[in-house]
Amino acid sequence: MPDTSDEERQKPPGTTLSVEEWIEELNKHDSFDQYAKKRKKEQMDKRREERNAEKDESGDETREG
């Protein structure tokens, strides 16, 4: 094992991230955050489909009547 001083071990390699960059990076790998985004998208898609179905039904009634 090569000799390294305490100072060298404490220095982070490369550049450091800003707080915003760090949070964004963590969220990329956060399974709970990804799950929440997926659920939100699914709910939005479901609502959109329901609205479209309602529009189709109301459109059919006006054509028939």
N, C-alpha and C. Protein backbone atom coordinates (compact mmCIF):
# COMPACT_ATOMS: atom_id res chain seq x y z
N MET A 1 0.85 -1.17 0.00
CA MET A 1 0.00 0.00 0.00
C MET A 1 0.90 1.24 0.00
N PRO A 2 0.65 2.18 -0.90
CA PRO A 2 1.51 3.36 -0.97
C PRO A 2 1.28 4.28 0.23
N ASP A 3 2.34 4.97 0.62
CA ASP A 3 2.22 5.94 1.72
C ASP A 3 1.51 7.18 1.23
N THR A 4 0.47 7.57 1.94
CA THR A 4 -0.23 8.82 1.63
C THR A 4 -0.44 9.55 2.93
N SER A 5 -0.28 10.85 2.85
CA SER A 5 -0.47 11.64 4.06
C SER A 5 -1.97 11.82 4.34
N ASP A 6 -2.28 12.24 5.55
CA ASP A 6 -3.68 12.46 5.91
C ASP A 6 -4.29 13.55 5.04
N GLU A 7 -3.50 14.57 4.69
CA GLU A 7 -4.02 15.66 3.86
C GLU A 7 -4.44 15.15 2.49
N GLU A 8 -3.64 14.28 1.90
CA GLU A 8 -3.97 13.77 0.58
C GLU A 8 -5.22 12.91 0.61
N ARG A 9 -5.43 12.16 1.67
CA ARG A 9 -6.62 11.32 1.78
C ARG A 9 -7.89 12.16 1.98
N GLN A 10 -7.75 13.30 2.60
CA GLN A 10 -8.92 14.13 2.87
C GLN A 10 -9.33 14.96 1.65
N LYS A 11 -8.44 15.17 0.68
CA LYS A 11 -8.79 15.94 -0.50
C LYS A 11 -9.70 15.11 -1.40
N PRO A 12 -10.81 15.69 -1.82
CA PRO A 12 -11.67 14.95 -2.75
C PRO A 12 -11.03 14.95 -4.15
N PRO A 13 -11.13 13.85 -4.85
CA PRO A 13 -10.58 13.82 -6.21
C PRO A 13 -11.48 14.59 -7.16
N GLY A 14 -10.90 15.36 -8.07
CA GLY A 14 -11.68 16.08 -9.06
C GLY A 14 -12.37 17.30 -8.48
N THR A 15 -13.40 17.73 -9.15
CA THR A 15 -14.12 18.92 -8.72
C THR A 15 -15.27 18.54 -7.80
N THR A 16 -15.72 19.50 -7.05
CA THR A 16 -16.86 19.26 -6.16
C THR A 16 -18.13 19.77 -6.82
N LEU A 17 -19.25 19.25 -6.40
CA LEU A 17 -20.54 19.64 -6.97
C LEU A 17 -21.19 20.70 -6.10
N SER A 18 -21.99 21.55 -6.73
CA SER A 18 -22.78 22.49 -5.96
C SER A 18 -23.90 21.71 -5.27
N VAL A 19 -24.59 22.34 -4.36
CA VAL A 19 -25.68 21.67 -3.63
C VAL A 19 -26.75 21.22 -4.61
N GLU A 20 -27.11 22.09 -5.57
CA GLU A 20 -28.14 21.75 -6.54
C GLU A 20 -27.72 20.57 -7.40
N GLU A 21 -26.45 20.58 -7.84
CA GLU A 21 -25.94 19.48 -8.66
C GLU A 21 -25.93 18.17 -7.87
N TRP A 22 -25.58 18.28 -6.61
CA TRP A 22 -25.51 17.09 -5.75
C TRP A 22 -26.90 16.49 -5.56
N ILE A 23 -27.88 17.33 -5.28
CA ILE A 23 -29.26 16.86 -5.10
C ILE A 23 -29.77 16.23 -6.39
N GLU A 24 -29.49 16.88 -7.52
CA GLU A 24 -29.92 16.34 -8.80
C GLU A 24 -29.28 14.97 -9.06
N GLU A 25 -28.01 14.84 -8.75
CA GLU A 25 -27.31 13.58 -8.96
C GLU A 25 -27.88 12.47 -8.06
N LEU A 26 -28.16 12.82 -6.81
CA LEU A 26 -28.75 11.83 -5.90
C LEU A 26 -30.14 11.41 -6.35
N ASN A 27 -30.92 12.36 -6.84
CA ASN A 27 -32.28 12.04 -7.28
C ASN A 27 -32.28 11.12 -8.50
N LYS A 28 -31.24 11.18 -9.31
CA LYS A 28 -31.16 10.29 -10.47
C LYS A 28 -31.14 8.83 -10.02
N HIS A 29 -30.56 8.58 -8.86
CA HIS A 29 -30.38 7.22 -8.39
C HIS A 29 -31.29 6.85 -7.23
N ASP A 30 -32.17 7.76 -6.87
CA ASP A 30 -33.07 7.55 -5.74
C ASP A 30 -34.30 6.76 -6.20
N SER A 31 -34.42 5.54 -5.76
CA SER A 31 -35.52 4.70 -6.23
C SER A 31 -36.88 5.25 -5.79
N PHE A 32 -36.96 5.85 -4.61
CA PHE A 32 -38.23 6.42 -4.16
C PHE A 32 -38.63 7.60 -5.02
N ASP A 33 -37.67 8.44 -5.38
CA ASP A 33 -37.96 9.58 -6.24
C ASP A 33 -38.41 9.10 -7.62
N GLN A 34 -37.71 8.11 -8.15
CA GLN A 34 -38.08 7.56 -9.45
C GLN A 34 -39.46 6.93 -9.40
N TYR A 35 -39.78 6.25 -8.31
CA TYR A 35 -41.09 5.63 -8.14
C TYR A 35 -42.18 6.72 -8.10
N ALA A 36 -41.91 7.79 -7.37
CA ALA A 36 -42.88 8.87 -7.26
C ALA A 36 -43.13 9.51 -8.62
N LYS A 37 -42.08 9.73 -9.39
CA LYS A 37 -42.23 10.31 -10.72
C LYS A 37 -43.04 9.39 -11.63
N LYS A 38 -42.77 8.09 -11.54
CA LYS A 38 -43.48 7.12 -12.36
C LYS A 38 -44.96 7.11 -12.00
N ARG A 39 -45.27 7.08 -10.70
CA ARG A 39 -46.66 7.08 -10.25
C ARG A 39 -47.39 8.35 -10.69
N LYS A 40 -46.71 9.48 -10.57
CA LYS A 40 -47.32 10.74 -10.97
C LYS A 40 -47.63 10.74 -12.46
N LYS A 41 -46.70 10.25 -13.26
CA LYS A 41 -46.91 10.18 -14.70
C LYS A 41 -48.06 9.23 -15.02
N GLU A 42 -48.12 8.09 -14.35
CA GLU A 42 -49.20 7.13 -14.59
C GLU A 42 -50.56 7.75 -14.24
N GLN A 43 -50.62 8.49 -13.14
CA GLN A 43 -51.87 9.13 -12.74
C GLN A 43 -52.29 10.19 -13.74
N MET A 44 -51.33 10.96 -14.24
CA MET A 44 -51.64 11.99 -15.23
C MET A 44 -52.15 11.34 -16.52
N ASP A 45 -51.50 10.25 -16.93
CA ASP A 45 -51.93 9.55 -18.14
C ASP A 45 -53.34 8.98 -17.97
N LYS A 46 -53.62 8.43 -16.79
CA LYS A 46 -54.93 7.85 -16.52
C LYS A 46 -56.01 8.94 -16.57
N ARG A 47 -55.74 10.09 -15.94
CA ARG A 47 -56.70 11.20 -15.97
C ARG A 47 -56.94 11.68 -17.40
N ARG A 48 -55.86 11.75 -18.18
CA ARG A 48 -55.97 12.19 -19.57
C ARG A 48 -56.85 11.23 -20.37
N GLU A 49 -56.65 9.93 -20.16
CA GLU A 49 -57.46 8.93 -20.85
C GLU A 49 -58.93 9.04 -20.44
N GLU A 50 -59.18 9.27 -19.15
CA GLU A 50 -60.55 9.40 -18.67
C GLU A 50 -61.22 10.63 -19.28
N ARG A 51 -60.50 11.73 -19.35
CA ARG A 51 -61.06 12.94 -19.96
C ARG A 51 -61.37 12.71 -21.43
N ASN A 52 -60.46 12.04 -22.13
CA ASN A 52 -60.69 11.75 -23.54
C ASN A 52 -61.89 10.84 -23.73
N ALA A 53 -62.04 9.86 -22.84
CA ALA A 53 -63.19 8.96 -22.92
C ALA A 53 -64.48 9.73 -22.69
N GLU A 54 -64.47 10.65 -21.73
CA GLU A 54 -65.66 11.46 -21.45
C GLU A 54 -66.00 12.34 -22.65
N LYS A 55 -64.99 12.90 -23.28
CA LYS A 55 -65.22 13.74 -24.46
C LYS A 55 -65.82 12.91 -25.58
N ASP A 56 -65.29 11.70 -25.76
CA ASP A 56 -65.80 10.82 -26.81
C ASP A 56 -67.25 10.46 -26.54
N GLU A 57 -67.58 10.15 -25.28
CA GLU A 57 -68.95 9.79 -24.93
C GLU A 57 -69.89 10.96 -25.14
N SER A 58 -69.50 12.15 -24.72
CA SER A 58 -70.37 13.31 -24.88
C SER A 58 -70.49 13.67 -26.35
N GLY A 59 -69.45 13.45 -27.13
CA GLY A 59 -69.50 13.71 -28.57
C GLY A 59 -70.43 12.74 -29.27
N ASP A 60 -70.45 11.49 -28.84
CA ASP A 60 -71.33 10.48 -29.41
C ASP A 60 -72.79 10.82 -29.14
N GLU A 61 -73.10 11.31 -27.95
CA GLU A 61 -74.48 11.64 -27.58
C GLU A 61 -75.01 12.77 -28.43
N THR A 62 -74.19 13.78 -28.70
CA THR A 62 -74.68 14.92 -29.48
C THR A 62 -74.89 14.52 -30.93
N ARG A 63 -74.11 13.58 -31.44
CA ARG A 63 -74.26 13.13 -32.82
C ARG A 63 -75.55 12.29 -32.98
N GLU A 64 -75.85 11.47 -31.97
CA GLU A 64 -77.01 10.59 -32.03
C GLU A 64 -78.33 11.36 -31.81
N GLY A 65 -78.27 12.35 -30.92
CA GLY A 65 -79.48 13.02 -30.49
C GLY A 65 -79.95 14.00 -31.44
